[in-house]
Amino acid sequence: MISTRLFSLPFATALAFAGASGAVHATNGINLIGFGAESTLMGGADVAVARDTSALNTNPAGLTQIKSPLMDVFGSVLRTTDLVHKDPRNEEHASNRYTFLGGGGYARPLEGTDCTAGIGLFAQGGAGGVFENLRTPFGNRDDLSSLFGIAKIIPGIGCQVNEKLSLGASLNLVYGSIEQDLFSNTSVNLGGGQVFPGYKLEGASAIRTGFKLGMQYRVTPSLTLAAAYTEKTELPMTGGTLVADFNAIGLGKVKYSDASVKGFALPREVAVGLAFKPTDEWLLSFKLNWLNWDDAINDVKLRATKPDNAAAPAVFGSSNPADWKDQWVVATGVAYTWSDRTTLYAGHNYGKNPIPR
């Protein structure tokens, strides 16, 4: 049996866990700014609009605006512009410059009721970067990456209580997955019983449920007030495998067959907004959204057990503080109906980075 202590490399470990979330695919933490074409093009100012199947993921009360069977399909391509890893040895842009997203939904009124039901599939968001051939602190070159993605399947229903008030609810079936490569071909014996083993994590995932509640109130035919509440969803990702490089102490690469990453969650959210139609052609929308990241992402913990070499450490892991902060997001959007077949959109989404500097 070889007795050794794992060495925690501060800058690399922090980036691979919490810091990688700085490479988000949106401004709202790890959440996208909008869901579906209209929501996204209006900068996420959707809670009081929500008039297509994306209402399942923004404000299910808006489903009541769908008066006949409706299917939506949407897609988008995101390109990163400033996703860079920088340290005293490197200043490299991530190689994963493009991200493809898509989804859609189907909704229809329920016969004999004032309710509309639907189901949709949505890419919720994600984070991460892939940095190839970096200079490590040990004099060699290796890869560094961390990729985290979330998707949802959402059934929901919206009902019109009276001519002014609509209420809705949706059930969120959330899937999250994570994979990491922390200098997986690097192994260094630092002396004094310390070793740095690079590693690669694959296959860790989670499936959890959550819910969203929504309300829309039509003050006048041209003014709508709205609110939505989303409950926190824990995402403990388990069932993965981890391969650690212990070549420096003569063990070769060791596979741990039970690996997990815990400490990620989708936050509790409260959104309020309004939509105003000064004319039949113009639509103005506003949303204020509070995201409780402080309770969602704190300490991110990696743990791997069941090594295939009895001489290797029985438990491989680390704990890294994330300490995300709550976030306020302000979204504004405008839509102009040019013709029966053409609508022009513009939007702006502002939110401070919830990740501590």
Protein backbone atom coordinates (compact mmCIF):
# COMPACT_ATOMS: atom_id res chain seq x y z
CA MET A 1 0.00 0.00 0.00
CA ILE A 2 1.36 3.43 -0.93
CA SER A 3 0.58 6.16 1.58
CA THR A 4 0.12 9.54 -0.03
CA ARG A 5 -1.84 12.77 0.25
CA LEU A 6 -3.57 14.33 -2.72
CA PHE A 7 -2.41 17.83 -3.55
CA SER A 8 -5.03 20.48 -4.22
CA LEU A 9 -3.95 22.84 -6.99
CA PRO A 10 -5.85 26.06 -6.10
CA PHE A 11 -6.17 27.86 -9.42
CA ALA A 12 -6.95 24.77 -11.48
CA THR A 13 -9.37 23.21 -9.05
CA ALA A 14 -11.27 26.44 -8.57
CA LEU A 15 -11.69 26.87 -12.31
CA ALA A 16 -12.74 23.28 -12.88
CA PHE A 17 -15.52 23.52 -10.32
CA ALA A 18 -16.92 26.91 -9.43
CA GLY A 19 -14.91 29.23 -11.62
CA ALA A 20 -15.89 27.46 -14.80
CA SER A 21 -19.38 28.75 -14.26
CA GLY A 22 -18.02 32.14 -15.19
CA ALA A 23 -18.08 30.82 -18.73
CA VAL A 24 -21.83 30.87 -18.79
CA HIS A 25 -23.99 30.76 -21.88
CA ALA A 26 -26.11 33.64 -20.56
CA THR A 27 -26.04 36.66 -18.28
CA ASN A 28 -28.43 35.20 -15.69
CA GLY A 29 -25.99 32.93 -13.86
CA ILE A 30 -26.20 29.54 -15.56
CA ASN A 31 -29.71 30.28 -16.87
CA LEU A 32 -30.36 31.44 -20.40
CA ILE A 33 -31.83 34.92 -20.66
CA GLY A 34 -34.88 33.66 -22.55
CA PHE A 35 -36.68 30.52 -23.70
CA GLY A 36 -38.15 30.31 -27.16
CA ALA A 37 -37.89 32.83 -29.97
CA GLU A 38 -40.06 35.67 -28.64
CA SER A 39 -38.77 35.43 -25.06
CA THR A 40 -35.13 35.49 -26.17
CA LEU A 41 -35.53 38.27 -28.73
CA MET A 42 -37.22 40.46 -26.08
CA GLY A 43 -34.25 40.00 -23.74
CA GLY A 44 -36.15 37.72 -21.38
CA ALA A 45 -38.88 40.30 -20.66
CA ASP A 46 -41.43 37.52 -20.95
CA VAL A 47 -43.33 36.99 -17.69
CA ALA A 48 -46.20 39.32 -18.69
CA VAL A 49 -46.16 38.29 -22.38
CA ALA A 50 -45.82 34.46 -22.38
CA ARG A 51 -48.19 33.87 -25.27
CA ASP A 52 -46.63 30.79 -26.91
CA THR A 53 -45.56 27.39 -25.57
CA SER A 54 -42.45 28.90 -23.94
CA ALA A 55 -44.95 30.02 -21.27
CA LEU A 56 -44.41 26.55 -19.78
CA ASN A 57 -40.94 27.72 -18.72
CA THR A 58 -41.57 31.44 -18.16
CA ASN A 59 -45.12 31.88 -16.82
CA PRO A 60 -47.60 29.00 -17.24
CA ALA A 61 -50.53 31.39 -16.72
CA GLY A 62 -49.78 32.68 -20.22
CA LEU A 63 -50.94 29.36 -21.70
CA THR A 64 -54.51 30.71 -21.52
CA GLN A 65 -53.66 33.02 -24.44
CA ILE A 66 -53.34 29.94 -26.67
CA LYS A 67 -56.85 29.45 -28.10
CA SER A 68 -56.14 26.65 -30.60
CA PRO A 69 -53.62 23.78 -30.86
CA LEU A 70 -50.10 25.22 -31.18
CA MET A 71 -46.66 23.70 -31.75
CA ASP A 72 -43.46 25.74 -31.45
CA VAL A 73 -39.95 24.67 -32.40
CA PHE A 74 -36.95 26.95 -31.94
CA GLY A 75 -33.19 26.84 -32.19
CA SER A 76 -30.23 29.15 -31.70
CA VAL A 77 -26.47 29.30 -32.01
CA LEU A 78 -24.38 31.09 -29.38
CA ARG A 79 -20.81 32.21 -29.96
CA THR A 80 -18.53 33.13 -27.08
CA THR A 81 -16.45 36.28 -27.49
CA ASP A 82 -14.41 36.59 -24.29
CA LEU A 83 -14.13 33.12 -22.73
CA VAL A 84 -10.45 33.15 -21.76
CA HIS A 85 -8.32 31.25 -19.26
CA LYS A 86 -5.58 33.51 -17.93
CA ASP A 87 -2.82 32.79 -15.44
CA PRO A 88 0.95 33.58 -15.26
CA ARG A 89 1.62 30.88 -17.87
CA ASN A 90 -1.37 31.15 -20.18
CA GLU A 91 -3.85 33.41 -21.87
CA GLU A 92 -5.90 31.12 -24.07
CA HIS A 93 -9.38 31.41 -25.56
CA ALA A 94 -11.69 28.42 -25.12
CA SER A 95 -11.94 26.09 -28.08
CA ASN A 96 -15.69 25.54 -27.60
CA ARG A 97 -16.71 28.84 -29.21
CA TYR A 98 -20.13 27.68 -30.45
CA THR A 99 -23.07 26.27 -28.53
CA PHE A 100 -26.23 24.96 -30.18
CA LEU A 101 -29.53 25.16 -28.33
CA GLY A 102 -33.06 24.18 -29.18
CA GLY A 103 -36.40 23.08 -27.91
CA GLY A 104 -40.09 23.41 -28.42
CA GLY A 105 -43.53 22.63 -27.10
CA TYR A 106 -47.09 21.71 -27.85
CA ALA A 107 -50.22 23.16 -26.19
CA ARG A 108 -53.95 23.01 -26.77
CA PRO A 109 -57.12 24.20 -25.00
CA LEU A 110 -58.95 21.56 -22.94
CA GLU A 111 -62.43 21.09 -24.34
CA GLY A 112 -65.24 22.33 -22.12
CA THR A 113 -62.90 24.26 -19.80
CA ASP A 114 -61.15 27.61 -19.63
CA CYS A 115 -57.78 25.86 -19.37
CA THR A 116 -54.92 25.17 -21.79
CA ALA A 117 -52.41 22.37 -21.20
CA GLY A 118 -49.09 21.67 -22.84
CA ILE A 119 -45.70 19.99 -22.69
CA GLY A 120 -42.31 21.27 -23.78
CA LEU A 121 -38.59 20.54 -23.93
CA PHE A 122 -36.18 23.37 -23.12
CA ALA A 123 -32.44 23.86 -22.81
CA GLN A 124 -32.28 25.66 -19.46
CA GLY A 125 -28.65 26.74 -19.56
CA GLY A 126 -25.14 25.67 -18.69
CA ALA A 127 -21.57 26.71 -18.15
CA GLY A 128 -18.04 25.76 -18.94
CA GLY A 129 -15.05 26.00 -21.20
CA VAL A 130 -12.57 23.72 -22.95
CA PHE A 131 -8.95 24.89 -22.88
CA GLU A 132 -6.53 22.75 -24.83
CA ASN A 133 -2.77 22.36 -24.48
CA LEU A 134 -2.30 24.76 -21.55
CA ARG A 135 1.05 25.19 -19.83
CA THR A 136 0.68 23.57 -16.40
CA PRO A 137 2.57 24.73 -13.27
CA PHE A 138 4.64 21.56 -13.63
CA GLY A 139 6.33 22.42 -16.92
CA ASN A 140 4.26 20.26 -19.28
CA ARG A 141 1.16 20.92 -21.38
CA ASP A 142 -2.28 19.43 -20.80
CA ASP A 143 -6.01 20.11 -21.19
CA LEU A 144 -8.38 21.78 -18.76
CA SER A 145 -12.16 21.72 -19.14
CA SER A 146 -15.43 21.72 -17.24
CA LEU A 147 -18.82 21.44 -18.96
CA PHE A 148 -22.16 21.61 -17.18
CA GLY A 149 -25.53 21.49 -18.93
CA ILE A 150 -29.19 21.53 -17.89
CA ALA A 151 -32.37 20.63 -19.80
CA LYS A 152 -36.03 20.42 -18.82
CA ILE A 153 -39.14 18.51 -19.82
CA ILE A 154 -42.12 20.55 -18.65
CA PRO A 155 -45.81 19.64 -18.59
CA GLY A 156 -48.08 22.45 -17.45
CA ILE A 157 -51.53 24.00 -17.40
CA GLY A 158 -52.97 27.49 -17.35
CA CYS A 159 -56.57 28.38 -16.46
CA GLN A 160 -58.54 31.60 -16.91
CA VAL A 161 -60.26 32.28 -13.59
CA ASN A 162 -62.22 35.24 -14.94
CA GLU A 163 -61.91 37.73 -17.77
CA LYS A 164 -58.97 39.44 -16.05
CA LEU A 165 -57.13 36.78 -14.02
CA SER A 166 -55.23 33.71 -15.25
CA LEU A 167 -53.32 31.24 -13.09
CA GLY A 168 -50.93 28.51 -14.12
CA ALA A 169 -48.58 25.80 -12.88
CA SER A 170 -45.93 23.60 -14.45
CA LEU A 171 -43.89 20.62 -13.32
CA ASN A 172 -40.19 20.71 -14.16
CA LEU A 173 -38.39 17.45 -14.86
CA VAL A 174 -34.77 18.66 -14.77
CA TYR A 175 -31.76 16.84 -16.16
CA GLY A 176 -28.24 18.02 -15.36
CA SER A 177 -24.87 16.57 -16.40
CA ILE A 178 -21.24 17.46 -15.83
CA GLU A 179 -17.86 16.36 -17.16
CA GLN A 180 -14.40 17.64 -16.29
CA ASP A 181 -10.80 17.24 -17.39
CA LEU A 182 -8.29 18.61 -14.90
CA PHE A 183 -4.87 17.99 -16.51
CA SER A 184 -5.81 14.30 -16.80
CA ASN A 185 -2.45 13.28 -18.29
CA THR A 186 -0.39 14.98 -15.59
CA SER A 187 0.91 13.29 -12.46
CA VAL A 188 3.54 14.86 -10.19
CA ASN A 189 5.11 13.60 -6.97
CA LEU A 190 5.63 16.75 -4.93
CA GLY A 191 7.45 15.04 -2.08
CA GLY A 192 6.51 14.96 1.55
CA GLY A 193 3.70 12.53 0.86
CA GLN A 194 1.93 14.89 -1.55
CA VAL A 195 0.99 14.09 -5.11
CA PHE A 196 -0.87 15.98 -7.79
CA PRO A 197 -3.01 13.53 -9.82
CA GLY A 198 -4.76 14.95 -12.84
CA TYR A 199 -8.16 13.44 -13.50
CA LYS A 200 -11.04 13.10 -15.95
CA LEU A 201 -14.65 12.91 -14.76
CA GLU A 202 -17.41 11.58 -17.03
CA GLY A 203 -21.02 10.45 -16.80
CA ALA A 204 -22.14 12.25 -13.62
CA SER A 205 -25.76 13.36 -13.93
CA ALA A 206 -28.94 14.13 -12.02
CA ILE A 207 -32.69 13.99 -12.65
CA ARG A 208 -34.84 16.00 -10.27
CA THR A 209 -38.26 17.62 -10.21
CA GLY A 210 -39.34 21.17 -9.45
CA PHE A 211 -42.28 23.42 -10.13
CA LYS A 212 -43.28 26.89 -11.30
CA LEU A 213 -46.40 28.92 -10.46
CA GLY A 214 -47.61 31.89 -12.48
CA MET A 215 -50.21 34.63 -12.61
CA GLN A 216 -51.31 37.19 -15.21
CA TYR A 217 -53.81 39.97 -14.46
CA ARG A 218 -55.24 42.08 -17.28
CA VAL A 219 -55.81 45.50 -15.71
CA THR A 220 -57.06 46.87 -19.03
CA PRO A 221 -57.05 45.44 -22.57
CA SER A 222 -53.69 47.16 -23.10
CA LEU A 223 -52.00 46.57 -19.70
CA THR A 224 -51.11 43.20 -18.12
CA LEU A 225 -49.41 42.63 -14.78
CA ALA A 226 -47.75 39.29 -14.04
CA ALA A 227 -45.72 37.31 -11.53
CA ALA A 228 -44.06 33.90 -11.43
CA TYR A 229 -42.42 31.79 -8.72
CA THR A 230 -39.95 28.96 -9.33
CA GLU A 231 -38.87 26.60 -6.56
CA LYS A 232 -35.22 25.65 -6.04
CA THR A 233 -34.12 22.36 -7.64
CA GLU A 234 -31.13 20.52 -6.19
CA LEU A 235 -28.90 18.81 -8.76
CA PRO A 236 -26.59 16.30 -7.03
CA MET A 237 -24.86 14.66 -9.97
CA THR A 238 -23.99 11.03 -9.31
CA GLY A 239 -23.26 7.81 -11.18
CA GLY A 240 -20.10 9.07 -12.86
CA THR A 241 -16.65 7.57 -13.32
CA LEU A 242 -13.33 9.25 -12.61
CA VAL A 243 -9.88 8.30 -13.90
CA ALA A 244 -6.98 9.74 -11.88
CA ASP A 245 -3.36 9.76 -13.02
CA PHE A 246 -1.16 8.26 -10.28
CA ASN A 247 1.80 7.46 -12.55
CA ALA A 248 4.06 9.62 -10.39
CA ILE A 249 3.78 7.12 -7.52
CA GLY A 250 3.79 3.99 -9.67
CA LEU A 251 0.07 3.21 -9.71
CA GLY A 252 -0.67 4.21 -13.30
CA LYS A 253 -4.15 5.48 -14.07
CA VAL A 254 -6.73 4.48 -11.51
CA LYS A 255 -10.44 4.28 -12.33
CA TYR A 256 -12.97 5.17 -9.63
CA SER A 257 -16.32 3.63 -10.56
CA ASP A 258 -18.51 5.81 -8.31
CA ALA A 259 -18.01 9.56 -8.76
CA SER A 260 -20.27 12.47 -7.87
CA VAL A 261 -20.33 16.25 -7.90
CA LYS A 262 -22.63 17.92 -5.40
CA GLY A 263 -23.33 21.56 -4.65
CA PHE A 264 -25.14 22.67 -7.82
CA ALA A 265 -28.80 23.69 -7.93
CA LEU A 266 -31.19 25.76 -9.97
CA PRO A 267 -32.14 28.73 -7.80
CA ARG A 268 -35.42 29.81 -6.30
CA GLU A 269 -36.77 32.64 -8.48
CA VAL A 270 -39.35 35.38 -8.15
CA ALA A 271 -40.27 37.40 -11.25
CA VAL A 272 -42.68 40.29 -11.66
CA GLY A 273 -43.44 42.21 -14.82
CA LEU A 274 -45.81 44.14 -17.00
CA ALA A 275 -46.75 44.28 -20.68
CA PHE A 276 -48.25 47.34 -22.34
CA LYS A 277 -49.77 47.66 -25.82
CA PRO A 278 -50.11 51.39 -26.64
CA THR A 279 -51.35 50.42 -30.14
CA ASP A 280 -52.22 47.22 -31.95
CA GLU A 281 -48.76 47.21 -33.56
CA TRP A 282 -46.55 47.92 -30.52
CA LEU A 283 -45.86 45.78 -27.45
CA LEU A 284 -43.63 46.94 -24.58
CA SER A 285 -42.57 44.56 -21.81
CA PHE A 286 -40.62 44.74 -18.54
CA LYS A 287 -39.44 42.09 -16.06
CA LEU A 288 -37.66 42.24 -12.70
CA ASN A 289 -36.28 38.85 -11.64
CA TRP A 290 -34.67 37.78 -8.36
CA LEU A 291 -32.52 34.65 -8.45
CA ASN A 292 -31.50 33.13 -5.13
CA TRP A 293 -28.04 31.89 -6.18
CA ASP A 294 -26.73 32.37 -2.62
CA ASP A 295 -28.77 29.33 -1.57
CA ALA A 296 -28.20 27.39 -4.80
CA ILE A 297 -24.43 27.20 -5.36
CA ASN A 298 -22.12 27.32 -2.34
CA ASP A 299 -19.62 24.52 -1.70
CA VAL A 300 -19.03 22.31 -4.73
CA LYS A 301 -17.79 18.88 -3.71
CA LEU A 302 -16.19 16.17 -5.83
CA ARG A 303 -16.09 12.65 -4.38
CA ALA A 304 -15.00 9.42 -6.05
CA THR A 305 -14.83 5.96 -4.49
CA LYS A 306 -14.36 2.29 -5.48
CA PRO A 307 -10.91 2.48 -7.14
CA ASP A 308 -9.83 -0.44 -9.32
CA ASN A 309 -6.43 -0.46 -7.57
CA ALA A 310 -6.39 -1.29 -3.86
CA ALA A 311 -3.14 0.66 -3.39
CA ALA A 312 -4.78 3.93 -4.50
CA PRO A 313 -6.50 6.29 -2.06
CA ALA A 314 -9.92 4.84 -1.24
CA VAL A 315 -11.56 8.26 -1.58
CA PHE A 316 -10.61 10.83 -4.20
CA GLY A 317 -12.14 14.27 -3.82
CA SER A 318 -12.06 17.92 -2.97
CA SER A 319 -14.31 20.69 -1.74
CA ASN A 320 -14.24 24.15 -3.24
CA PRO A 321 -16.15 27.23 -2.08
CA ALA A 322 -18.30 28.83 -4.77
CA ASP A 323 -20.24 31.34 -2.66
CA TRP A 324 -22.44 32.68 -5.45
CA LYS A 325 -24.42 35.82 -4.66
CA ASP A 326 -28.09 36.55 -5.24
CA GLN A 327 -28.80 38.24 -8.55
CA TRP A 328 -31.29 40.87 -9.69
CA VAL A 329 -32.05 40.88 -13.41
CA VAL A 330 -33.82 43.67 -15.26
CA ALA A 331 -35.19 42.80 -18.70
CA THR A 332 -36.91 45.11 -21.17
CA GLY A 333 -38.32 44.23 -24.56
CA VAL A 334 -40.25 45.67 -27.47
CA ALA A 335 -42.11 44.08 -30.37
CA TYR A 336 -43.49 45.75 -33.48
CA THR A 337 -45.96 43.94 -35.73
CA TRP A 338 -44.81 44.94 -39.21
CA SER A 339 -47.37 42.77 -40.99
CA ASP A 340 -49.36 39.60 -40.49
CA ARG A 341 -46.22 37.59 -41.24
CA THR A 342 -43.45 39.79 -39.82
CA THR A 343 -42.73 41.00 -36.28
CA LEU A 344 -39.62 42.96 -35.29
CA TYR A 345 -38.13 42.48 -31.81
CA ALA A 346 -35.54 44.13 -29.60
CA GLY A 347 -34.55 43.44 -26.02
CA HIS A 348 -32.05 44.20 -23.27
CA ASN A 349 -31.13 42.02 -20.30
CA TYR A 350 -29.02 43.30 -17.42
CA GLY A 351 -27.80 41.35 -14.41
CA LYS A 352 -24.62 41.54 -12.30
CA ASN A 353 -22.40 38.47 -12.33
CA PRO A 354 -23.40 36.32 -9.31
CA ILE A 355 -19.95 34.70 -9.16
CA PRO A 356 -17.60 36.38 -6.64
CA ARG A 357 -14.54 37.91 -8.20
